[in-house]
Amino acid sequence: TVTGGKVVGGKEIVMGSGEWRYDRGVITLKIDG
């Protein structure tokens, strides 16, 4: 389970969470429109 967040004003804000399968690869995505 990977939960990503950021720190704003000294407080952690959760941006989202998801289930990931660990297999040692790298996924790179580019969003264009």
PDB file of all heavy atoms in Angstrom:
ATOM      1  N   THR A   1       0.868  -1.163   0.000  1.00  0.00           N
ATOM      2  CA  THR A   1       0.000   0.000   0.000  1.00  0.00           C
ATOM      3  C   THR A   1       0.907   1.215   0.000  1.00  0.00           C
ATOM      4  O   THR A   1       1.804   1.332   0.838  1.00  0.00           O
ATOM      5  CB  THR A   1      -0.900   0.040   1.249  1.00  0.00           C
ATOM      6  OG1 THR A   1      -1.736  -1.109   1.242  1.00  0.00           O
ATOM      7  CG2 THR A   1      -1.761   1.288   1.265  1.00  0.00           C
ATOM      8  N   VAL A   2       0.697   2.121  -0.950  1.00  0.00           N
ATOM      9  CA  VAL A   2       1.481   3.342  -1.040  1.00  0.00           C
ATOM     10  C   VAL A   2       0.532   4.513  -0.836  1.00  0.00           C
ATOM     11  O   VAL A   2      -0.462   4.651  -1.554  1.00  0.00           O
ATOM     12  CB  VAL A   2       2.190   3.471  -2.405  1.00  0.00           C
ATOM     13  CG1 VAL A   2       2.965   4.782  -2.488  1.00  0.00           C
ATOM     14  CG2 VAL A   2       3.102   2.282  -2.655  1.00  0.00           C
ATOM     15  N   THR A   3       0.826   5.332   0.171  1.00  0.00           N
ATOM     16  CA  THR A   3       0.053   6.535   0.443  1.00  0.00           C
ATOM     17  C   THR A   3       0.980   7.718   0.230  1.00  0.00           C
ATOM     18  O   THR A   3       2.035   7.801   0.852  1.00  0.00           O
ATOM     19  CB  THR A   3      -0.494   6.543   1.883  1.00  0.00           C
ATOM     20  OG1 THR A   3      -1.312   5.380   2.063  1.00  0.00           O
ATOM     21  CG2 THR A   3      -1.327   7.776   2.153  1.00  0.00           C
ATOM     22  N   GLY A   4       0.591   8.609  -0.667  1.00  0.00           N
ATOM     23  CA  GLY A   4       1.418   9.771  -0.987  1.00  0.00           C
ATOM     24  C   GLY A   4       0.809  11.035  -0.425  1.00  0.00           C
ATOM     25  O   GLY A   4      -0.410  11.208  -0.428  1.00  0.00           O
ATOM     26  N   GLY A   5       1.667  11.895   0.068  1.00  0.00           N
ATOM     27  CA  GLY A   5       1.189  13.151   0.613  1.00  0.00           C
ATOM     28  C   GLY A   5       2.231  14.241   0.487  1.00  0.00           C
ATOM     29  O   GLY A   5       3.301  14.043  -0.086  1.00  0.00           O
ATOM     30  N   LYS A   6       1.891  15.397   1.040  1.00  0.00           N
ATOM     31  CA  LYS A   6       2.807  16.537   1.035  1.00  0.00           C
ATOM     32  C   LYS A   6       2.659  17.267   2.361  1.00  0.00           C
ATOM     33  O   LYS A   6       1.672  17.090   3.082  1.00  0.00           O
ATOM     34  CB  LYS A   6       2.507  17.469  -0.134  1.00  0.00           C
ATOM     35  CG  LYS A   6       1.106  18.098  -0.093  1.00  0.00           C
ATOM     36  CD  LYS A   6       0.862  18.938  -1.311  1.00  0.00           C
ATOM     37  CE  LYS A   6      -0.533  19.543  -1.274  1.00  0.00           C
ATOM     38  NZ  LYS A   6      -0.765  20.402  -2.440  1.00  0.00           N
ATOM     39  N   VAL A   7       3.646  18.081   2.687  1.00  0.00           N
ATOM     40  CA  VAL A   7       3.625  18.859   3.920  1.00  0.00           C
ATOM     41  C   VAL A   7       3.317  20.306   3.556  1.00  0.00           C
ATOM     42  O   VAL A   7       4.000  20.915   2.737  1.00  0.00           O
ATOM     43  CB  VAL A   7       4.977  18.767   4.662  1.00  0.00           C
ATOM     44  CG1 VAL A   7       4.963  19.645   5.906  1.00  0.00           C
ATOM     45  CG2 VAL A   7       5.284  17.319   5.023  1.00  0.00           C
ATOM     46  N   VAL A   8       2.245  20.831   4.170  1.00  0.00           N
ATOM     47  CA  VAL A   8       1.841  22.216   3.953  1.00  0.00           C
ATOM     48  C   VAL A   8       1.662  22.858   5.325  1.00  0.00           C
ATOM     49  O   VAL A   8       0.907  22.348   6.152  1.00  0.00           O
ATOM     50  CB  VAL A   8       0.520  22.303   3.149  1.00  0.00           C
ATOM     51  CG1 VAL A   8       0.064  23.752   3.002  1.00  0.00           C
ATOM     52  CG2 VAL A   8       0.660  21.652   1.791  1.00  0.00           C
ATOM     53  N   GLY A   9       2.351  23.936   5.562  1.00  0.00           N
ATOM     54  CA  GLY A   9       2.245  24.624   6.843  1.00  0.00           C
ATOM     55  C   GLY A   9       2.618  23.736   8.016  1.00  0.00           C
ATOM     56  O   GLY A   9       2.041  23.846   9.092  1.00  0.00           O
ATOM     57  N   GLY A  10       3.558  22.823   7.796  1.00  0.00           N
ATOM     58  CA  GLY A  10       4.008  21.941   8.864  1.00  0.00           C
ATOM     59  C   GLY A  10       3.113  20.740   9.107  1.00  0.00           C
ATOM     60  O   GLY A  10       3.411  19.902   9.950  1.00  0.00           O
ATOM     61  N   LYS A  11       2.008  20.621   8.358  1.00  0.00           N
ATOM     62  CA  LYS A  11       1.089  19.494   8.527  1.00  0.00           C
ATOM     63  C   LYS A  11       1.069  18.634   7.270  1.00  0.00           C
ATOM     64  O   LYS A  11       1.070  19.141   6.156  1.00  0.00           O
ATOM     65  CB  LYS A  11      -0.319  19.995   8.832  1.00  0.00           C
ATOM     66  CG  LYS A  11      -0.387  20.738  10.139  1.00  0.00           C
ATOM     67  CD  LYS A  11      -1.822  21.026  10.520  1.00  0.00           C
ATOM     68  CE  LYS A  11      -1.792  21.809  11.814  1.00  0.00           C
ATOM     69  NZ  LYS A  11      -2.830  21.449  12.693  1.00  0.00           N
ATOM     70  N   GLU A  12       1.024  17.321   7.486  1.00  0.00           N
ATOM     71  CA  GLU A  12       0.990  16.387   6.365  1.00  0.00           C
ATOM     72  C   GLU A  12      -0.431  16.271   5.814  1.00  0.00           C
ATOM     73  O   GLU A  12      -1.384  16.102   6.565  1.00  0.00           O
ATOM     74  CB  GLU A  12       1.483  15.014   6.823  1.00  0.00           C
ATOM     75  CG  GLU A  12       1.624  14.030   5.699  1.00  0.00           C
ATOM     76  CD  GLU A  12       2.185  12.698   6.149  1.00  0.00           C
ATOM     77  OE1 GLU A  12       3.013  12.673   7.090  1.00  0.00           O
ATOM     78  OE2 GLU A  12       1.778  11.681   5.566  1.00  0.00           O
ATOM     79  N   ILE A  13      -0.542  16.385   4.492  1.00  0.00           N
ATOM     80  CA  ILE A  13      -1.827  16.249   3.807  1.00  0.00           C
ATOM     81  C   ILE A  13      -1.720  15.048   2.876  1.00  0.00           C
ATOM     82  O   ILE A  13      -0.829  14.986   2.025  1.00  0.00           O
ATOM     83  CB  ILE A  13      -2.159  17.507   2.984  1.00  0.00           C
ATOM     84  CG1 ILE A  13      -2.285  18.714   3.911  1.00  0.00           C
ATOM     85  CG2 ILE A  13      -3.438  17.311   2.178  1.00  0.00           C
ATOM     86  CD1 ILE A  13      -2.416  20.022   3.169  1.00  0.00           C
ATOM     87  N   VAL A  14      -2.625  14.089   3.024  1.00  0.00           N
ATOM     88  CA  VAL A  14      -2.637  12.896   2.170  1.00  0.00           C
ATOM     89  C   VAL A  14      -3.247  13.272   0.823  1.00  0.00           C
ATOM     90  O   VAL A  14      -4.327  13.844   0.751  1.00  0.00           O
ATOM     91  CB  VAL A  14      -3.434  11.749   2.832  1.00  0.00           C
ATOM     92  CG1 VAL A  14      -3.579  10.574   1.863  1.00  0.00           C
ATOM     93  CG2 VAL A  14      -2.752  11.306   4.116  1.00  0.00           C
ATOM     94  N   MET A  15      -2.520  12.914  -0.256  1.00  0.00           N
ATOM     95  CA  MET A  15      -2.988  13.200  -1.609  1.00  0.00           C
ATOM     96  C   MET A  15      -3.688  11.994  -2.236  1.00  0.00           C
ATOM     97  O   MET A  15      -4.515  12.153  -3.119  1.00  0.00           O
ATOM     98  CB  MET A  15      -1.806  13.611  -2.489  1.00  0.00           C
ATOM     99  CG  MET A  15      -1.085  14.857  -2.006  1.00  0.00           C
ATOM    100  SD  MET A  15      -2.105  16.327  -2.109  1.00  0.00           S
ATOM    101  CE  MET A  15      -2.157  16.536  -3.866  1.00  0.00           C
ATOM    102  N   GLY A  16      -3.345  10.792  -1.786  1.00  0.00           N
ATOM    103  CA  GLY A  16      -3.980   9.608  -2.335  1.00  0.00           C
ATOM    104  C   GLY A  16      -3.274   8.352  -1.884  1.00  0.00           C
ATOM    105  O   GLY A  16      -2.177   8.390  -1.336  1.00  0.00           O
ATOM    106  N   SER A  17      -3.946   7.235  -2.104  1.00  0.00           N
ATOM    107  CA  SER A  17      -3.406   5.953  -1.682  1.00  0.00           C
ATOM    108  C   SER A  17      -3.789   4.904  -2.710  1.00  0.00           C
ATOM    109  O   SER A  17      -4.837   5.005  -3.350  1.00  0.00           O
ATOM    110  CB  SER A  17      -3.988   5.586  -0.315  1.00  0.00           C
ATOM    111  OG  SER A  17      -3.400   4.414   0.171  1.00  0.00           O
ATOM    112  N   GLY A  18      -2.941   3.912  -2.846  1.00  0.00           N
ATOM    113  CA  GLY A  18      -3.244   2.855  -3.802  1.00  0.00           C
ATOM    114  C   GLY A  18      -2.469   1.598  -3.502  1.00  0.00           C
ATOM    115  O   GLY A  18      -1.495   1.591  -2.751  1.00  0.00           O
ATOM    116  N   GLU A  19      -2.908   0.511  -4.108  1.00  0.00           N
ATOM    117  CA  GLU A  19      -2.248  -0.781  -3.969  1.00  0.00           C
ATOM    118  C   GLU A  19      -1.296  -0.951  -5.145  1.00  0.00           C
ATOM    119  O   GLU A  19      -1.667  -0.719  -6.288  1.00  0.00           O
ATOM    120  CB  GLU A  19      -3.302  -1.886  -3.984  1.00  0.00           C
ATOM    121  CG  GLU A  19      -2.749  -3.255  -3.725  1.00  0.00           C
ATOM    122  CD  GLU A  19      -3.852  -4.290  -3.636  1.00  0.00           C
ATOM    123  OE1 GLU A  19      -4.582  -4.301  -2.632  1.00  0.00           O
ATOM    124  OE2 GLU A  19      -3.985  -5.068  -4.592  1.00  0.00           O
ATOM    125  N   TRP A  20      -0.062  -1.330  -4.822  1.00  0.00           N
ATOM    126  CA  TRP A  20       0.960  -1.487  -5.846  1.00  0.00           C
ATOM    127  C   TRP A  20       1.551  -2.879  -5.746  1.00  0.00           C
ATOM    128  O   TRP A  20       1.709  -3.419  -4.658  1.00  0.00           O
ATOM    129  CB  TRP A  20       2.080  -0.474  -5.630  1.00  0.00           C
ATOM    130  CG  TRP A  20       1.627   0.939  -5.741  1.00  0.00           C
ATOM    131  CD1 TRP A  20       0.802   1.608  -4.881  1.00  0.00           C
ATOM    132  CD2 TRP A  20       1.958   1.863  -6.759  1.00  0.00           C
ATOM    133  NE1 TRP A  20       0.609   2.885  -5.298  1.00  0.00           N
ATOM    134  CE2 TRP A  20       1.302   3.078  -6.443  1.00  0.00           C
ATOM    135  CE3 TRP A  20       2.753   1.790  -7.889  1.00  0.00           C
ATOM    136  CZ2 TRP A  20       1.425   4.207  -7.250  1.00  0.00           C
ATOM    137  CZ3 TRP A  20       2.875   2.911  -8.686  1.00  0.00           C
ATOM    138  CH2 TRP A  20       2.213   4.101  -8.368  1.00  0.00           C
ATOM    139  N   ARG A  21       1.910  -3.434  -6.868  1.00  0.00           N
ATOM    140  CA  ARG A  21       2.590  -4.729  -6.885  1.00  0.00           C
ATOM    141  C   ARG A  21       4.070  -4.466  -7.065  1.00  0.00           C
ATOM    142  O   ARG A  21       4.484  -3.759  -7.986  1.00  0.00           O
ATOM    143  CB  ARG A  21       2.081  -5.584  -8.028  1.00  0.00           C
ATOM    144  CG  ARG A  21       2.763  -6.929  -8.046  1.00  0.00           C
ATOM    145  CD  ARG A  21       2.097  -7.845  -9.006  1.00  0.00           C
ATOM    146  NE  ARG A  21       2.846  -9.088  -9.022  1.00  0.00           N
ATOM    147  CZ  ARG A  21       2.569 -10.077  -9.803  1.00  0.00           C
ATOM    148  NH1 ARG A  21       1.542  -9.997 -10.618  1.00  0.00           N
ATOM    149  NH2 ARG A  21       3.296 -11.166  -9.764  1.00  0.00           N
ATOM    150  N   TYR A  22       4.879  -5.020  -6.193  1.00  0.00           N
ATOM    151  CA  TYR A  22       6.312  -4.782  -6.230  1.00  0.00           C
ATOM    152  C   TYR A  22       6.969  -5.808  -7.147  1.00  0.00           C
ATOM    153  O   TYR A  22       6.904  -6.997  -6.901  1.00  0.00           O
ATOM    154  CB  TYR A  22       6.909  -4.888  -4.822  1.00  0.00           C
ATOM    155  CG  TYR A  22       8.365  -4.591  -4.795  1.00  0.00           C
ATOM    156  CD1 TYR A  22       8.807  -3.283  -4.910  1.00  0.00           C
ATOM    157  CD2 TYR A  22       9.297  -5.600  -4.713  1.00  0.00           C
ATOM    158  CE1 TYR A  22      10.153  -2.990  -4.916  1.00  0.00           C
ATOM    159  CE2 TYR A  22      10.656  -5.319  -4.724  1.00  0.00           C
ATOM    160  CZ  TYR A  22      11.074  -4.011  -4.828  1.00  0.00           C
ATOM    161  OH  TYR A  22      12.413  -3.735  -4.845  1.00  0.00           O
ATOM    162  N   ASP A  23       7.559  -5.315  -8.213  1.00  0.00           N
ATOM    163  CA  ASP A  23       8.265  -6.238  -9.106  1.00  0.00           C
ATOM    164  C   ASP A  23       9.549  -5.622  -9.654  1.00  0.00           C
ATOM    165  O   ASP A  23      10.092  -6.089 -10.627  1.00  0.00           O
ATOM    166  CB  ASP A  23       7.356  -6.732 -10.228  1.00  0.00           C
ATOM    167  CG  ASP A  23       7.025  -5.651 -11.220  1.00  0.00           C
ATOM    168  OD1 ASP A  23       7.396  -4.491 -10.995  1.00  0.00           O
ATOM    169  OD2 ASP A  23       6.406  -5.967 -12.238  1.00  0.00           O
ATOM    170  N   ARG A  24      10.030  -4.579  -9.043  1.00  0.00           N
ATOM    171  CA  ARG A  24      11.321  -3.976  -9.341  1.00  0.00           C
ATOM    172  C   ARG A  24      11.404  -3.266 -10.691  1.00  0.00           C
ATOM    173  O   ARG A  24      12.494  -3.065 -11.208  1.00  0.00           O
ATOM    174  CB  ARG A  24      12.449  -5.012  -9.216  1.00  0.00           C
ATOM    175  CG  ARG A  24      12.577  -5.589  -7.809  1.00  0.00           C
ATOM    176  CD  ARG A  24      13.707  -6.529  -7.746  1.00  0.00           C
ATOM    177  NE  ARG A  24      13.572  -7.928  -7.464  1.00  0.00           N
ATOM    178  CZ  ARG A  24      12.538  -8.677  -7.279  1.00  0.00           C
ATOM    179  NH1 ARG A  24      11.357  -8.192  -7.373  1.00  0.00           N
ATOM    180  NH2 ARG A  24      12.647  -9.940  -7.006  1.00  0.00           N
ATOM    181  N   GLY A  25      10.335  -2.865 -11.260  1.00  0.00           N
ATOM    182  CA  GLY A  25      10.351  -2.113 -12.510  1.00  0.00           C
ATOM    183  C   GLY A  25      10.086  -0.639 -12.255  1.00  0.00           C
ATOM    184  O   GLY A  25       9.743  -0.247 -11.149  1.00  0.00           O
ATOM    185  N   VAL A  26      10.241   0.180 -13.294  1.00  0.00           N
ATOM    186  CA  VAL A  26       9.987   1.614 -13.191  1.00  0.00           C
ATOM    187  C   VAL A  26       8.949   1.999 -14.237  1.00  0.00           C
ATOM    188  O   VAL A  26       9.111   1.694 -15.420  1.00  0.00           O
ATOM    189  CB  VAL A  26      11.274   2.437 -13.424  1.00  0.00           C
ATOM    190  CG1 VAL A  26      10.966   3.927 -13.424  1.00  0.00           C
ATOM    191  CG2 VAL A  26      12.306   2.110 -12.363  1.00  0.00           C
ATOM    192  N   ILE A  27       7.902   2.661 -13.784  1.00  0.00           N
ATOM    193  CA  ILE A  27       6.873   3.149 -14.690  1.00  0.00           C
ATOM    194  C   ILE A  27       6.985   4.661 -14.744  1.00  0.00           C
ATOM    195  O   ILE A  27       7.021   5.323 -13.708  1.00  0.00           O
ATOM    196  CB  ILE A  27       5.466   2.749 -14.202  1.00  0.00           C
ATOM    197  CG1 ILE A  27       5.336   1.232 -14.214  1.00  0.00           C
ATOM    198  CG2 ILE A  27       4.391   3.406 -15.064  1.00  0.00           C
ATOM    199  CD1 ILE A  27       4.078   0.721 -13.586  1.00  0.00           C
ATOM    200  N   THR A  28       7.063   5.193 -15.952  1.00  0.00           N
ATOM    201  CA  THR A  28       7.101   6.633 -16.146  1.00  0.00           C
ATOM    202  C   THR A  28       5.934   7.001 -17.045  1.00  0.00           C
ATOM    203  O   THR A  28       5.762   6.402 -18.108  1.00  0.00           O
ATOM    204  CB  THR A  28       8.432   7.054 -16.812  1.00  0.00           C
ATOM    205  OG1 THR A  28       9.515   6.588 -16.014  1.00  0.00           O
ATOM    206  CG2 THR A  28       8.524   8.557 -16.950  1.00  0.00           C
ATOM    207  N   LEU A  29       5.132   7.972 -16.603  1.00  0.00           N
ATOM    208  CA  LEU A  29       3.984   8.409 -17.380  1.00  0.00           C
ATOM    209  C   LEU A  29       4.102   9.891 -17.694  1.00  0.00           C
ATOM    210  O   LEU A  29       4.527  10.675 -16.850  1.00  0.00           O
ATOM    211  CB  LEU A  29       2.685   8.177 -16.595  1.00  0.00           C
ATOM    212  CG  LEU A  29       2.341   6.736 -16.255  1.00  0.00           C
ATOM    213  CD1 LEU A  29       1.104   6.690 -15.379  1.00  0.00           C
ATOM    214  CD2 LEU A  29       2.145   5.916 -17.511  1.00  0.00           C
ATOM    215  N   LYS A  30       3.695  10.269 -18.896  1.00  0.00           N
ATOM    216  CA  LYS A  30       3.664  11.667 -19.300  1.00  0.00           C
ATOM    217  C   LYS A  30       2.226  11.994 -19.687  1.00  0.00           C
ATOM    218  O   LYS A  30       1.638  11.314 -20.536  1.00  0.00           O
ATOM    219  CB  LYS A  30       4.602  11.912 -20.485  1.00  0.00           C
ATOM    220  CG  LYS A  30       4.571  13.338 -20.948  1.00  0.00           C
ATOM    221  CD  LYS A  30       5.484  13.540 -22.139  1.00  0.00           C
ATOM    222  CE  LYS A  30       5.360  14.953 -22.657  1.00  0.00           C
ATOM    223  NZ  LYS A  30       6.102  15.150 -23.886  1.00  0.00           N
ATOM    224  N   ILE A  31       1.683  13.011 -19.071  1.00  0.00           N
ATOM    225  CA  ILE A  31       0.307  13.417 -19.338  1.00  0.00           C
ATOM    226  C   ILE A  31       0.336  14.611 -20.283  1.00  0.00           C
ATOM    227  O   ILE A  31       1.018  15.599 -20.033  1.00  0.00           O
ATOM    228  CB  ILE A  31      -0.410  13.793 -18.031  1.00  0.00           C
ATOM    229  CG1 ILE A  31      -0.394  12.594 -17.078  1.00  0.00           C
ATOM    230  CG2 ILE A  31      -1.836  14.262 -18.307  1.00  0.00           C
ATOM    231  CD1 ILE A  31      -0.792  12.925 -15.668  1.00  0.00           C
ATOM    232  N   ASP A  32      -0.421  14.495 -21.384  1.00  0.00           N
ATOM    233  CA  ASP A  32      -0.490  15.557 -22.373  1.00  0.00           C
ATOM    234  C   ASP A  32      -1.939  15.704 -22.804  1.00  0.00           C
ATOM    235  O   ASP A  32      -2.419  14.948 -23.665  1.00  0.00           O
ATOM    236  CB  ASP A  32       0.418  15.232 -23.561  1.00  0.00           C
ATOM    237  CG  ASP A  32       0.441  16.340 -24.607  1.00  0.00           C
ATOM    238  OD1 ASP A  32      -0.022  17.459 -24.315  1.00  0.00           O
ATOM    239  OD2 ASP A  32       0.937  16.077 -25.722  1.00  0.00           O
ATOM    240  N   GLY A  33      -2.637  16.631 -22.184  1.00  0.00           N
ATOM    241  CA  GLY A  33      -4.046  16.837 -22.502  1.00  0.00           C
ATOM    242  C   GLY A  33      -4.878  15.618 -22.181  1.00  0.00           C
ATOM    243  O   GLY A  33      -4.971  15.210 -21.030  1.00  0.00           O
TER     244      GLY A  33
END
